[in-house]
Amino acid sequence: MVDDDPEVSDVLAQWLAADGHQPVAATDGAAALDLIRRERFDLILTDIRMPRLDGPSLYRELKRQDPELARHLIFMTGDTLSPDVAQMLAASGLPSVAKPFDPEEVLRVVRRELR
């Protein structure tokens, strides 16, 4: 999970752990890339808007470094009405979940992407 809001990360971690997953949190895309260099992950949930390295930039870097992992990314955003966000989501072809989160929706998307 990549989100600059620790409360969001904490809540997501609780939901994911209760569903049998082993969540790891990063505060931005740069921190996530550091973790990815050291560990293997099955799926990445990333916020779109973050300081240092945002979600779209993380996705672009993953496509360059690890195209397979880049296909296993879920965007999280509270900005679903923004035309630039909608365009980026459509161009990526990746799933997204909207903030504020519905726990069942988040878990449904995560389970689907892990299949």
PDB file of N, CA and C in Angstrom:
ATOM      1  N   MET A   1       0.846  -1.167   0.000  1.00  0.00           N
ATOM      2  CA  MET A   1       0.000   0.000   0.000  1.00  0.00           C
ATOM      3  C   MET A   1       0.888   1.225   0.000  1.00  0.00           C
ATOM      4  N   VAL A   2       0.548   2.169  -0.872  1.00  0.00           N
ATOM      5  CA  VAL A   2       1.332   3.393  -0.961  1.00  0.00           C
ATOM      6  C   VAL A   2       0.376   4.566  -0.774  1.00  0.00           C
ATOM      7  N   ASP A   3       0.510   5.237   0.363  1.00  0.00           N
ATOM      8  CA  ASP A   3      -0.344   6.388   0.659  1.00  0.00           C
ATOM      9  C   ASP A   3       0.362   7.268   1.666  1.00  0.00           C
ATOM     10  N   ASP A   4       0.293   8.569   1.467  1.00  0.00           N
ATOM     11  CA  ASP A   4       0.967   9.496   2.367  1.00  0.00           C
ATOM     12  C   ASP A   4       0.165   9.781   3.636  1.00  0.00           C
ATOM     13  N   ASP A   5      -1.032   9.256   3.728  1.00  0.00           N
ATOM     14  CA  ASP A   5      -1.859   9.448   4.922  1.00  0.00           C
ATOM     15  C   ASP A   5      -1.776   8.188   5.786  1.00  0.00           C
ATOM     16  N   PRO A   6      -1.112   8.263   6.954  1.00  0.00           N
ATOM     17  CA  PRO A   6      -0.948   7.066   7.784  1.00  0.00           C
ATOM     18  C   PRO A   6      -2.270   6.468   8.255  1.00  0.00           C
ATOM     19  N   GLU A   7      -3.283   7.295   8.429  1.00  0.00           N
ATOM     20  CA  GLU A   7      -4.583   6.757   8.844  1.00  0.00           C
ATOM     21  C   GLU A   7      -5.185   5.880   7.751  1.00  0.00           C
ATOM     22  N   VAL A   8      -5.055   6.306   6.503  1.00  0.00           N
ATOM     23  CA  VAL A   8      -5.548   5.501   5.379  1.00  0.00           C
ATOM     24  C   VAL A   8      -4.794   4.183   5.334  1.00  0.00           C
ATOM     25  N   SER A   9      -3.472   4.243   5.446  1.00  0.00           N
ATOM     26  CA  SER A   9      -2.662   3.022   5.424  1.00  0.00           C
ATOM     27  C   SER A   9      -3.030   2.080   6.561  1.00  0.00           C
ATOM     28  N   ASP A  10      -3.248   2.636   7.747  1.00  0.00           N
ATOM     29  CA  ASP A  10      -3.610   1.799   8.902  1.00  0.00           C
ATOM     30  C   ASP A  10      -4.925   1.066   8.664  1.00  0.00           C
ATOM     31  N   VAL A  11      -5.925   1.792   8.179  1.00  0.00           N
ATOM     32  CA  VAL A  11      -7.235   1.180   7.928  1.00  0.00           C
ATOM     33  C   VAL A  11      -7.127   0.103   6.854  1.00  0.00           C
ATOM     34  N   LEU A  12      -6.450   0.426   5.756  1.00  0.00           N
ATOM     35  CA  LEU A  12      -6.278  -0.566   4.689  1.00  0.00           C
ATOM     36  C   LEU A  12      -5.534  -1.790   5.200  1.00  0.00           C
ATOM     37  N   ALA A  13      -4.492  -1.579   5.979  1.00  0.00           N
ATOM     38  CA  ALA A  13      -3.718  -2.692   6.518  1.00  0.00           C
ATOM     39  C   ALA A  13      -4.589  -3.605   7.381  1.00  0.00           C
ATOM     40  N   GLN A  14      -5.461  -3.014   8.184  1.00  0.00           N
ATOM     41  CA  GLN A  14      -6.350  -3.822   9.031  1.00  0.00           C
ATOM     42  C   GLN A  14      -7.295  -4.655   8.175  1.00  0.00           C
ATOM     43  N   TRP A  15      -7.906  -4.039   7.155  1.00  0.00           N
ATOM     44  CA  TRP A  15      -8.832  -4.776   6.287  1.00  0.00           C
ATOM     45  C   TRP A  15      -8.121  -5.896   5.551  1.00  0.00           C
ATOM     46  N   LEU A  16      -6.951  -5.582   5.008  1.00  0.00           N
ATOM     47  CA  LEU A  16      -6.221  -6.575   4.224  1.00  0.00           C
ATOM     48  C   LEU A  16      -5.715  -7.715   5.102  1.00  0.00           C
ATOM     49  N   ALA A  17      -5.195  -7.394   6.274  1.00  0.00           N
ATOM     50  CA  ALA A  17      -4.720  -8.437   7.182  1.00  0.00           C
ATOM     51  C   ALA A  17      -5.867  -9.338   7.623  1.00  0.00           C
ATOM     52  N   ALA A  18      -7.018  -8.747   7.910  1.00  0.00           N
ATOM     53  CA  ALA A  18      -8.188  -9.540   8.312  1.00  0.00           C
ATOM     54  C   ALA A  18      -8.655 -10.456   7.185  1.00  0.00           C
ATOM     55  N   ASP A  19      -8.319 -10.099   5.943  1.00  0.00           N
ATOM     56  CA  ASP A  19      -8.693 -10.913   4.782  1.00  0.00           C
ATOM     57  C   ASP A  19      -7.593 -11.918   4.412  1.00  0.00           C
ATOM     58  N   GLY A  20      -6.546 -12.001   5.244  1.00  0.00           N
ATOM     59  CA  GLY A  20      -5.501 -12.991   5.035  1.00  0.00           C
ATOM     60  C   GLY A  20      -4.290 -12.516   4.252  1.00  0.00           C
ATOM     61  N   HIS A  21      -4.187 -11.230   3.987  1.00  0.00           N
ATOM     62  CA  HIS A  21      -3.056 -10.680   3.244  1.00  0.00           C
ATOM     63  C   HIS A  21      -1.992 -10.170   4.209  1.00  0.00           C
ATOM     64  N   GLN A  22      -0.811  -9.913   3.692  1.00  0.00           N
ATOM     65  CA  GLN A  22       0.290  -9.394   4.497  1.00  0.00           C
ATOM     66  C   GLN A  22       0.675  -8.014   3.971  1.00  0.00           C
ATOM     67  N   PRO A  23      -0.068  -6.985   4.368  1.00  0.00           N
ATOM     68  CA  PRO A  23       0.178  -5.644   3.823  1.00  0.00           C
ATOM     69  C   PRO A  23       1.481  -5.029   4.336  1.00  0.00           C
ATOM     70  N   VAL A  24       2.099  -4.259   3.455  1.00  0.00           N
ATOM     71  CA  VAL A  24       3.291  -3.475   3.776  1.00  0.00           C
ATOM     72  C   VAL A  24       2.993  -2.054   3.300  1.00  0.00           C
ATOM     73  N   ALA A  25       3.316  -1.063   4.118  1.00  0.00           N
ATOM     74  CA  ALA A  25       2.975   0.317   3.786  1.00  0.00           C
ATOM     75  C   ALA A  25       4.208   1.119   3.389  1.00  0.00           C
ATOM     76  N   ALA A  26       4.006   2.018   2.418  1.00  0.00           N
ATOM     77  CA  ALA A  26       5.006   3.015   2.024  1.00  0.00           C
ATOM     78  C   ALA A  26       4.299   4.362   1.979  1.00  0.00           C
ATOM     79  N   THR A  27       5.036   5.427   2.288  1.00  0.00           N
ATOM     80  CA  THR A  27       4.423   6.750   2.386  1.00  0.00           C
ATOM     81  C   THR A  27       4.363   7.500   1.061  1.00  0.00           C
ATOM     82  N   ASP A  28       5.084   7.034   0.057  1.00  0.00           N
ATOM     83  CA  ASP A  28       5.034   7.636  -1.276  1.00  0.00           C
ATOM     84  C   ASP A  28       5.683   6.686  -2.270  1.00  0.00           C
ATOM     85  N   GLY A  29       5.671   7.064  -3.537  1.00  0.00           N
ATOM     86  CA  GLY A  29       6.190   6.194  -4.576  1.00  0.00           C
ATOM     87  C   GLY A  29       7.673   5.907  -4.439  1.00  0.00           C
ATOM     88  N   ALA A  30       8.448   6.886  -3.988  1.00  0.00           N
ATOM     89  CA  ALA A  30       9.887   6.674  -3.809  1.00  0.00           C
ATOM     90  C   ALA A  30      10.151   5.620  -2.737  1.00  0.00           C
ATOM     91  N   ALA A  31       9.431   5.705  -1.633  1.00  0.00           N
ATOM     92  CA  ALA A  31       9.576   4.703  -0.566  1.00  0.00           C
ATOM     93  C   ALA A  31       9.120   3.334  -1.057  1.00  0.00           C
ATOM     94  N   ALA A  32       8.068   3.318  -1.871  1.00  0.00           N
ATOM     95  CA  ALA A  32       7.591   2.051  -2.422  1.00  0.00           C
ATOM     96  C   ALA A  32       8.648   1.412  -3.315  1.00  0.00           C
ATOM     97  N   LEU A  33       9.294   2.207  -4.157  1.00  0.00           N
ATOM     98  CA  LEU A  33      10.343   1.660  -5.029  1.00  0.00           C
ATOM     99  C   LEU A  33      11.494   1.081  -4.212  1.00  0.00           C
ATOM    100  N   ASP A  34      11.837   1.727  -3.104  1.00  0.00           N
ATOM    101  CA  ASP A  34      12.876   1.184  -2.222  1.00  0.00           C
ATOM    102  C   ASP A  34      12.470  -0.192  -1.693  1.00  0.00           C
ATOM    103  N   LEU A  35      11.209  -0.314  -1.271  1.00  0.00           N
ATOM    104  CA  LEU A  35      10.722  -1.607  -0.776  1.00  0.00           C
ATOM    105  C   LEU A  35      10.714  -2.660  -1.889  1.00  0.00           C
ATOM    106  N   ILE A  36      10.294  -2.262  -3.066  1.00  0.00           N
ATOM    107  CA  ILE A  36      10.194  -3.196  -4.193  1.00  0.00           C
ATOM    108  C   ILE A  36      11.577  -3.712  -4.596  1.00  0.00           C
ATOM    109  N   ARG A  37      12.601  -2.920  -4.417  1.00  0.00           N
ATOM    110  CA  ARG A  37      13.967  -3.372  -4.722  1.00  0.00           C
ATOM    111  C   ARG A  37      14.422  -4.464  -3.764  1.00  0.00           C
ATOM    112  N   ARG A  38      13.845  -4.494  -2.560  1.00  0.00           N
ATOM    113  CA  ARG A  38      14.271  -5.442  -1.529  1.00  0.00           C
ATOM    114  C   ARG A  38      13.350  -6.646  -1.373  1.00  0.00           C
ATOM    115  N   GLU A  39      12.081  -6.477  -1.752  1.00  0.00           N
ATOM    116  CA  GLU A  39      11.096  -7.543  -1.542  1.00  0.00           C
ATOM    117  C   GLU A  39      10.283  -7.757  -2.801  1.00  0.00           C
ATOM    118  N   ARG A  40       9.639  -8.911  -2.883  1.00  0.00           N
ATOM    119  CA  ARG A  40       8.730  -9.209  -4.000  1.00  0.00           C
ATOM    120  C   ARG A  40       7.304  -9.033  -3.497  1.00  0.00           C
ATOM    121  N   PHE A  41       6.498  -8.333  -4.274  1.00  0.00           N
ATOM    122  CA  PHE A  41       5.102  -8.095  -3.915  1.00  0.00           C
ATOM    123  C   PHE A  41       4.187  -8.639  -5.005  1.00  0.00           C
ATOM    124  N   ASP A  42       3.020  -9.104  -4.588  1.00  0.00           N
ATOM    125  CA  ASP A  42       2.035  -9.642  -5.527  1.00  0.00           C
ATOM    126  C   ASP A  42       1.152  -8.555  -6.114  1.00  0.00           C
ATOM    127  N   LEU A  43       0.964  -7.475  -5.358  1.00  0.00           N
ATOM    128  CA  LEU A  43       0.001  -6.445  -5.740  1.00  0.00           C
ATOM    129  C   LEU A  43       0.395  -5.138  -5.063  1.00  0.00           C
ATOM    130  N   ILE A  44       0.122  -4.035  -5.745  1.00  0.00           N
ATOM    131  CA  ILE A  44       0.389  -2.712  -5.167  1.00  0.00           C
ATOM    132  C   ILE A  44      -0.881  -1.878  -5.244  1.00  0.00           C
ATOM    133  N   LEU A  45      -1.288  -1.326  -4.123  1.00  0.00           N
ATOM    134  CA  LEU A  45      -2.362  -0.335  -4.073  1.00  0.00           C
ATOM    135  C   LEU A  45      -1.680   1.000  -3.863  1.00  0.00           C
ATOM    136  N   THR A  46      -1.917   1.951  -4.754  1.00  0.00           N
ATOM    137  CA  THR A  46      -1.256   3.239  -4.617  1.00  0.00           C
ATOM    138  C   THR A  46      -2.215   4.406  -4.784  1.00  0.00           C
ATOM    139  N   ASP A  47      -2.036   5.372  -3.905  1.00  0.00           N
ATOM    140  CA  ASP A  47      -2.748   6.635  -4.046  1.00  0.00           C
ATOM    141  C   ASP A  47      -2.237   7.316  -5.308  1.00  0.00           C
ATOM    142  N   ILE A  48      -3.026   8.185  -5.873  1.00  0.00           N
ATOM    143  CA  ILE A  48      -2.609   8.903  -7.074  1.00  0.00           C
ATOM    144  C   ILE A  48      -1.822  10.156  -6.706  1.00  0.00           C
ATOM    145  N   ARG A  49      -2.332  10.925  -5.773  1.00  0.00           N
ATOM    146  CA  ARG A  49      -1.681  12.191  -5.425  1.00  0.00           C
ATOM    147  C   ARG A  49      -0.903  12.048  -4.120  1.00  0.00           C
ATOM    148  N   MET A  50       0.437  12.168  -4.250  1.00  0.00           N
ATOM    149  CA  MET A  50       1.334  12.087  -3.093  1.00  0.00           C
ATOM    150  C   MET A  50       2.539  12.979  -3.343  1.00  0.00           C
ATOM    151  N   PRO A  51       3.201  13.413  -2.274  1.00  0.00           N
ATOM    152  CA  PRO A  51       4.438  14.181  -2.459  1.00  0.00           C
ATOM    153  C   PRO A  51       5.567  13.263  -2.967  1.00  0.00           C
ATOM    154  N   ARG A  52       6.655  13.861  -3.345  1.00  0.00           N
ATOM    155  CA  ARG A  52       7.870  13.196  -3.866  1.00  0.00           C
ATOM    156  C   ARG A  52       7.606  12.421  -5.147  1.00  0.00           C
ATOM    157  N   LEU A  53       6.979  11.272  -5.076  1.00  0.00           N
ATOM    158  CA  LEU A  53       6.698  10.473  -6.271  1.00  0.00           C
ATOM    159  C   LEU A  53       5.245  10.013  -6.191  1.00  0.00           C
ATOM    160  N   ASP A  54       4.412  10.541  -7.083  1.00  0.00           N
ATOM    161  CA  ASP A  54       2.982  10.231  -7.040  1.00  0.00           C
ATOM    162  C   ASP A  54       2.687   8.870  -7.681  1.00  0.00           C
ATOM    163  N   GLY A  55       1.431   8.472  -7.625  1.00  0.00           N
ATOM    164  CA  GLY A  55       1.015   7.173  -8.143  1.00  0.00           C
ATOM    165  C   GLY A  55       1.284   6.979  -9.626  1.00  0.00           C
ATOM    166  N   PRO A  56       0.908   7.923 -10.492  1.00  0.00           N
ATOM    167  CA  PRO A  56       1.199   7.752 -11.915  1.00  0.00           C
ATOM    168  C   PRO A  56       2.699   7.632 -12.205  1.00  0.00           C
ATOM    169  N   SER A  57       3.516   8.387 -11.485  1.00  0.00           N
ATOM    170  CA  SER A  57       4.968   8.293 -11.677  1.00  0.00           C
ATOM    171  C   SER A  57       5.496   6.949 -11.191  1.00  0.00           C
ATOM    172  N   LEU A  58       4.960   6.464 -10.089  1.00  0.00           N
ATOM    173  CA  LEU A  58       5.317   5.127  -9.613  1.00  0.00           C
ATOM    174  C   LEU A  58       4.970   4.086 -10.674  1.00  0.00           C
ATOM    175  N   TYR A  59       3.793   4.193 -11.243  1.00  0.00           N
ATOM    176  CA  TYR A  59       3.363   3.258 -12.282  1.00  0.00           C
ATOM    177  C   TYR A  59       4.311   3.302 -13.487  1.00  0.00           C
ATOM    178  N   ARG A  60       4.667   4.489 -13.939  1.00  0.00           N
ATOM    179  CA  ARG A  60       5.586   4.616 -15.082  1.00  0.00           C
ATOM    180  C   ARG A  60       6.942   3.979 -14.769  1.00  0.00           C
ATOM    181  N   GLU A  61       7.430   4.209 -13.557  1.00  0.00           N
ATOM    182  CA  GLU A  61       8.722   3.634 -13.173  1.00  0.00           C
ATOM    183  C   GLU A  61       8.629   2.111 -13.067  1.00  0.00           C
ATOM    184  N   LEU A  62       7.530   1.615 -12.542  1.00  0.00           N
ATOM    185  CA  LEU A  62       7.341   0.162 -12.476  1.00  0.00           C
ATOM    186  C   LEU A  62       7.275  -0.459 -13.873  1.00  0.00           C
ATOM    187  N   LYS A  63       6.603   0.216 -14.791  1.00  0.00           N
ATOM    188  CA  LYS A  63       6.545  -0.300 -16.162  1.00  0.00           C
ATOM    189  C   LYS A  63       7.954  -0.433 -16.742  1.00  0.00           C
ATOM    190  N   ARG A  64       8.828   0.477 -16.377  1.00  0.00           N
ATOM    191  CA  ARG A  64      10.201   0.436 -16.867  1.00  0.00           C
ATOM    192  C   ARG A  64      11.010  -0.661 -16.161  1.00  0.00           C
ATOM    193  N   GLN A  65      10.875  -0.746 -14.837  1.00  0.00           N
ATOM    194  CA  GLN A  65      11.690  -1.662 -14.046  1.00  0.00           C
ATOM    195  C   GLN A  65      11.130  -3.082 -13.974  1.00  0.00           C
ATOM    196  N   ASP A  66       9.814  -3.199 -13.861  1.00  0.00           N
ATOM    197  CA  ASP A  66       9.180  -4.502 -13.633  1.00  0.00           C
ATOM    198  C   ASP A  66       7.789  -4.494 -14.258  1.00  0.00           C
ATOM    199  N   PRO A  67       7.726  -4.669 -15.593  1.00  0.00           N
ATOM    200  CA  PRO A  67       6.427  -4.590 -16.287  1.00  0.00           C
ATOM    201  C   PRO A  67       5.378  -5.562 -15.744  1.00  0.00           C
ATOM    202  N   GLU A  68       5.801  -6.722 -15.291  1.00  0.00           N
ATOM    203  CA  GLU A  68       4.844  -7.686 -14.742  1.00  0.00           C
ATOM    204  C   GLU A  68       4.186  -7.127 -13.481  1.00  0.00           C
ATOM    205  N   LEU A  69       4.979  -6.590 -12.574  1.00  0.00           N
ATOM    206  CA  LEU A  69       4.418  -6.017 -11.349  1.00  0.00           C
ATOM    207  C   LEU A  69       3.558  -4.796 -11.668  1.00  0.00           C
ATOM    208  N   ALA A  70       3.943  -4.018 -12.668  1.00  0.00           N
ATOM    209  CA  ALA A  70       3.161  -2.829 -13.051  1.00  0.00           C
ATOM    210  C   ALA A  70       1.743  -3.210 -13.457  1.00  0.00           C
ATOM    211  N   ARG A  71       1.554  -4.423 -13.955  1.00  0.00           N
ATOM    212  CA  ARG A  71       0.203  -4.878 -14.331  1.00  0.00           C
ATOM    213  C   ARG A  71      -0.636  -5.264 -13.113  1.00  0.00           C
ATOM    214  N   HIS A  72       0.010  -5.321 -11.955  1.00  0.00           N
ATOM    215  CA  HIS A  72      -0.680  -5.713 -10.717  1.00  0.00           C
ATOM    216  C   HIS A  72      -0.720  -4.526  -9.753  1.00  0.00           C
ATOM    217  N   LEU A  73      -1.260  -3.443 -10.252  1.00  0.00           N
ATOM    218  CA  LEU A  73      -1.349  -2.213  -9.481  1.00  0.00           C
ATOM    219  C   LEU A  73      -2.806  -1.757  -9.468  1.00  0.00           C
ATOM    220  N   ILE A  74      -3.243  -1.278  -8.323  1.00  0.00           N
ATOM    221  CA  ILE A  74      -4.579  -0.714  -8.164  1.00  0.00           C
ATOM    222  C   ILE A  74      -4.402   0.727  -7.704  1.00  0.00           C
ATOM    223  N   PHE A  75      -5.003   1.656  -8.426  1.00  0.00           N
ATOM    224  CA  PHE A  75      -4.950   3.057  -8.027  1.00  0.00           C
ATOM    225  C   PHE A  75      -6.046   3.351  -7.003  1.00  0.00           C
ATOM    226  N   MET A  76      -5.718   4.226  -6.048  1.00  0.00           N
ATOM    227  CA  MET A  76      -6.682   4.698  -5.059  1.00  0.00           C
ATOM    228  C   MET A  76      -6.757   6.214  -5.210  1.00  0.00           C
ATOM    229  N   THR A  77      -7.973   6.740  -5.234  1.00  0.00           N
ATOM    230  CA  THR A  77      -8.083   8.184  -5.394  1.00  0.00           C
ATOM    231  C   THR A  77      -9.380   8.736  -4.812  1.00  0.00           C
ATOM    232  N   GLY A  78      -9.296   9.946  -4.331  1.00  0.00           N
ATOM    233  CA  GLY A  78     -10.473  10.689  -3.910  1.00  0.00           C
ATOM    234  C   GLY A  78     -10.862  11.706  -4.962  1.00  0.00           C
ATOM    235  N   ASP A  79     -10.179  11.661  -6.099  1.00  0.00           N
ATOM    236  CA  ASP A  79     -10.347  12.664  -7.151  1.00  0.00           C
ATOM    237  C   ASP A  79     -10.873  12.019  -8.435  1.00  0.00           C
ATOM    238  N   THR A  80     -11.975  11.306  -8.338  1.00  0.00           N
ATOM    239  CA  THR A  80     -12.483  10.563  -9.491  1.00  0.00           C
ATOM    240  C   THR A  80     -13.143  11.450 -10.545  1.00  0.00           C
ATOM    241  N   LEU A  81     -13.461  12.686 -10.198  1.00  0.00           N
ATOM    242  CA  LEU A  81     -14.128  13.563 -11.158  1.00  0.00           C
ATOM    243  C   LEU A  81     -13.162  14.397 -11.991  1.00  0.00           C
ATOM    244  N   SER A  82     -11.912  14.430 -11.615  1.00  0.00           N
ATOM    245  CA  SER A  82     -10.928  15.215 -12.340  1.00  0.00           C
ATOM    246  C   SER A  82     -10.679  14.613 -13.726  1.00  0.00           C
ATOM    247  N   PRO A  83     -10.774  15.414 -14.789  1.00  0.00           N
ATOM    248  CA  PRO A  83     -10.553  14.882 -16.139  1.00  0.00           C
ATOM    249  C   PRO A  83      -9.164  14.272 -16.324  1.00  0.00           C
ATOM    250  N   ASP A  84      -8.120  14.870 -15.719  1.00  0.00           N
ATOM    251  CA  ASP A  84      -6.781  14.316 -15.897  1.00  0.00           C
ATOM    252  C   ASP A  84      -6.639  12.967 -15.191  1.00  0.00           C
ATOM    253  N   VAL A  85      -7.273  12.801 -14.038  1.00  0.00           N
ATOM    254  CA  VAL A  85      -7.240  11.521 -13.340  1.00  0.00           C
ATOM    255  C   VAL A  85      -8.024  10.477 -14.133  1.00  0.00           C
ATOM    256  N   ALA A  86      -9.203  10.847 -14.604  1.00  0.00           N
ATOM    257  CA  ALA A  86     -10.001   9.910 -15.406  1.00  0.00           C
ATOM    258  C   ALA A  86      -9.244   9.478 -16.652  1.00  0.00           C
ATOM    259  N   GLN A  87      -8.577  10.397 -17.300  1.00  0.00           N
ATOM    260  CA  GLN A  87      -7.812  10.073 -18.508  1.00  0.00           C
ATOM    261  C   GLN A  87      -6.645   9.135 -18.174  1.00  0.00           C
ATOM    262  N   MET A  88      -5.927   9.416 -17.089  1.00  0.00           N
ATOM    263  CA  MET A  88      -4.812   8.573 -16.683  1.00  0.00           C
ATOM    264  C   MET A  88      -5.287   7.163 -16.350  1.00  0.00           C
ATOM    265  N   LEU A  89      -6.403   7.057 -15.621  1.00  0.00           N
ATOM    266  CA  LEU A  89      -6.935   5.739 -15.269  1.00  0.00           C
ATOM    267  C   LEU A  89      -7.340   4.969 -16.520  1.00  0.00           C
ATOM    268  N   ALA A  90      -8.013   5.631 -17.434  1.00  0.00           N
ATOM    269  CA  ALA A  90      -8.430   4.973 -18.673  1.00  0.00           C
ATOM    270  C   ALA A  90      -7.223   4.534 -19.490  1.00  0.00           C
ATOM    271  N   ALA A  91      -6.217   5.377 -19.590  1.00  0.00           N
ATOM    272  CA  ALA A  91      -5.024   5.050 -20.382  1.00  0.00           C
ATOM    273  C   ALA A  91      -4.256   3.882 -19.775  1.00  0.00           C
ATOM    274  N   SER A  92      -4.225   3.789 -18.454  1.00  0.00           N
ATOM    275  CA  SER A  92      -3.475   2.713 -17.798  1.00  0.00           C
ATOM    276  C   SER A  92      -4.177   1.364 -17.946  1.00  0.00           C
ATOM    277  N   GLY A  93      -5.509   1.399 -17.982  1.00  0.00           N
ATOM    278  CA  GLY A  93      -6.265   0.149 -18.030  1.00  0.00           C
ATOM    279  C   GLY A  93      -6.263  -0.599 -16.710  1.00  0.00           C
ATOM    280  N   LEU A  94      -5.788   0.053 -15.672  1.00  0.00           N
ATOM    281  CA  LEU A  94      -5.701  -0.592 -14.362  1.00  0.00           C
ATOM    282  C   LEU A  94      -6.940  -0.293 -13.519  1.00  0.00           C
ATOM    283  N   PRO A  95      -7.223  -1.165 -12.564  1.00  0.00           N
ATOM    284  CA  PRO A  95      -8.384  -0.919 -11.692  1.00  0.00           C
ATOM    285  C   PRO A  95      -8.103   0.210 -10.711  1.00  0.00           C
ATOM    286  N   SER A  96      -9.181   0.740 -10.166  1.00  0.00           N
ATOM    287  CA  SER A  96      -9.065   1.781  -9.156  1.00  0.00           C
ATOM    288  C   SER A  96     -10.172   1.607  -8.131  1.00  0.00           C
ATOM    289  N   VAL A  97      -9.926   2.153  -6.958  1.00  0.00           N
ATOM    290  CA  VAL A  97     -10.939   2.223  -5.908  1.00  0.00           C
ATOM    291  C   VAL A  97     -11.017   3.671  -5.452  1.00  0.00           C
ATOM    292  N   ALA A  98     -12.223   4.110  -5.178  1.00  0.00           N
ATOM    293  CA  ALA A  98     -12.454   5.510  -4.828  1.00  0.00           C
ATOM    294  C   ALA A  98     -12.446   5.706  -3.317  1.00  0.00           C
ATOM    295  N   LYS A  99     -11.884   6.830  -2.915  1.00  0.00           N
ATOM    296  CA  LYS A  99     -11.959   7.276  -1.521  1.00  0.00           C
ATOM    297  C   LYS A  99     -13.183   8.173  -1.399  1.00  0.00           C
ATOM    298  N   PRO A 100     -13.923   8.152  -0.325  1.00  0.00           N
ATOM    299  CA  PRO A 100     -13.728   7.271   0.820  1.00  0.00           C
ATOM    300  C   PRO A 100     -14.025   5.816   0.444  1.00  0.00           C
ATOM    301  N   PHE A 101     -13.270   4.917   1.045  1.00  0.00           N
ATOM    302  CA  PHE A 101     -13.322   3.509   0.699  1.00  0.00           C
ATOM    303  C   PHE A 101     -14.554   2.802   1.239  1.00  0.00           C
ATOM    304  N   ASP A 102     -15.013   1.870   0.453  1.00  0.00           N
ATOM    305  CA  ASP A 102     -15.964   0.856   0.895  1.00  0.00           C
ATOM    306  C   ASP A 102     -15.116  -0.393   1.103  1.00  0.00           C
ATOM    307  N   PRO A 103     -15.012  -0.890   2.328  1.00  0.00           N
ATOM    308  CA  PRO A 103     -14.128  -2.024   2.585  1.00  0.00           C
ATOM    309  C   PRO A 103     -14.405  -3.226   1.683  1.00  0.00           C
ATOM    310  N   GLU A 104     -15.663  -3.533   1.452  1.00  0.00           N
ATOM    311  CA  GLU A 104     -15.989  -4.686   0.607  1.00  0.00           C
ATOM    312  C   GLU A 104     -15.535  -4.467  -0.833  1.00  0.00           C
ATOM    313  N   GLU A 105     -15.636  -3.244  -1.322  1.00  0.00           N
ATOM    314  CA  GLU A 105     -15.185  -2.940  -2.681  1.00  0.00           C
ATOM    315  C   GLU A 105     -13.665  -3.086  -2.786  1.00  0.00           C
ATOM    316  N   VAL A 106     -12.947  -2.565  -1.814  1.00  0.00           N
ATOM    317  CA  VAL A 106     -11.487  -2.689  -1.816  1.00  0.00           C
ATOM    318  C   VAL A 106     -11.102  -4.163  -1.830  1.00  0.00           C
ATOM    319  N   LEU A 107     -11.682  -4.950  -0.948  1.00  0.00           N
ATOM    320  CA  LEU A 107     -11.327  -6.371  -0.869  1.00  0.00           C
ATOM    321  C   LEU A 107     -11.746  -7.125  -2.126  1.00  0.00           C
ATOM    322  N   ARG A 108     -12.864  -6.765  -2.716  1.00  0.00           N
ATOM    323  CA  ARG A 108     -13.299  -7.412  -3.951  1.00  0.00           C
ATOM    324  C   ARG A 108     -12.295  -7.167  -5.068  1.00  0.00           C
ATOM    325  N   VAL A 109     -11.853  -5.930  -5.214  1.00  0.00           N
ATOM    326  CA  VAL A 109     -10.883  -5.582  -6.259  1.00  0.00           C
ATOM    327  C   VAL A 109      -9.553  -6.273  -5.991  1.00  0.00           C
ATOM    328  N   VAL A 110      -9.097  -6.275  -4.754  1.00  0.00           N
ATOM    329  CA  VAL A 110      -7.838  -6.939  -4.408  1.00  0.00           C
ATOM    330  C   VAL A 110      -7.924  -8.427  -4.720  1.00  0.00           C
ATOM    331  N   ARG A 111      -8.995  -9.085  -4.298  1.00  0.00           N
ATOM    332  CA  ARG A 111      -9.142 -10.521  -4.569  1.00  0.00           C
ATOM    333  C   ARG A 111      -9.164 -10.804  -6.059  1.00  0.00           C
ATOM    334  N   ARG A 112      -9.879  -9.977  -6.806  1.00  0.00           N
ATOM    335  CA  ARG A 112      -9.965 -10.172  -8.258  1.00  0.00           C
ATOM    336  C   ARG A 112      -8.583 -10.024  -8.903  1.00  0.00           C
ATOM    337  N   GLU A 113      -7.837  -9.037  -8.494  1.00  0.00           N
ATOM    338  CA  GLU A 113      -6.525  -8.801  -9.091  1.00  0.00           C
ATOM    339  C   GLU A 113      -5.509  -9.866  -8.698  1.00  0.00           C
ATOM    340  N   LEU A 114      -5.687 -10.488  -7.567  1.00  0.00           N
ATOM    341  CA  LEU A 114      -4.753 -11.537  -7.137  1.00  0.00           C
ATOM    342  C   LEU A 114      -5.043 -12.895  -7.793  1.00  0.00           C
ATOM    343  N   ARG A 115      -6.215 -13.027  -8.411  1.00  0.00           N
ATOM    344  CA  ARG A 115      -6.527 -14.299  -9.095  1.00  0.00           C
ATOM    345  C   ARG A 115      -5.697 -14.488 -10.311  1.00  0.00           C
TER     346      ARG A 115
END
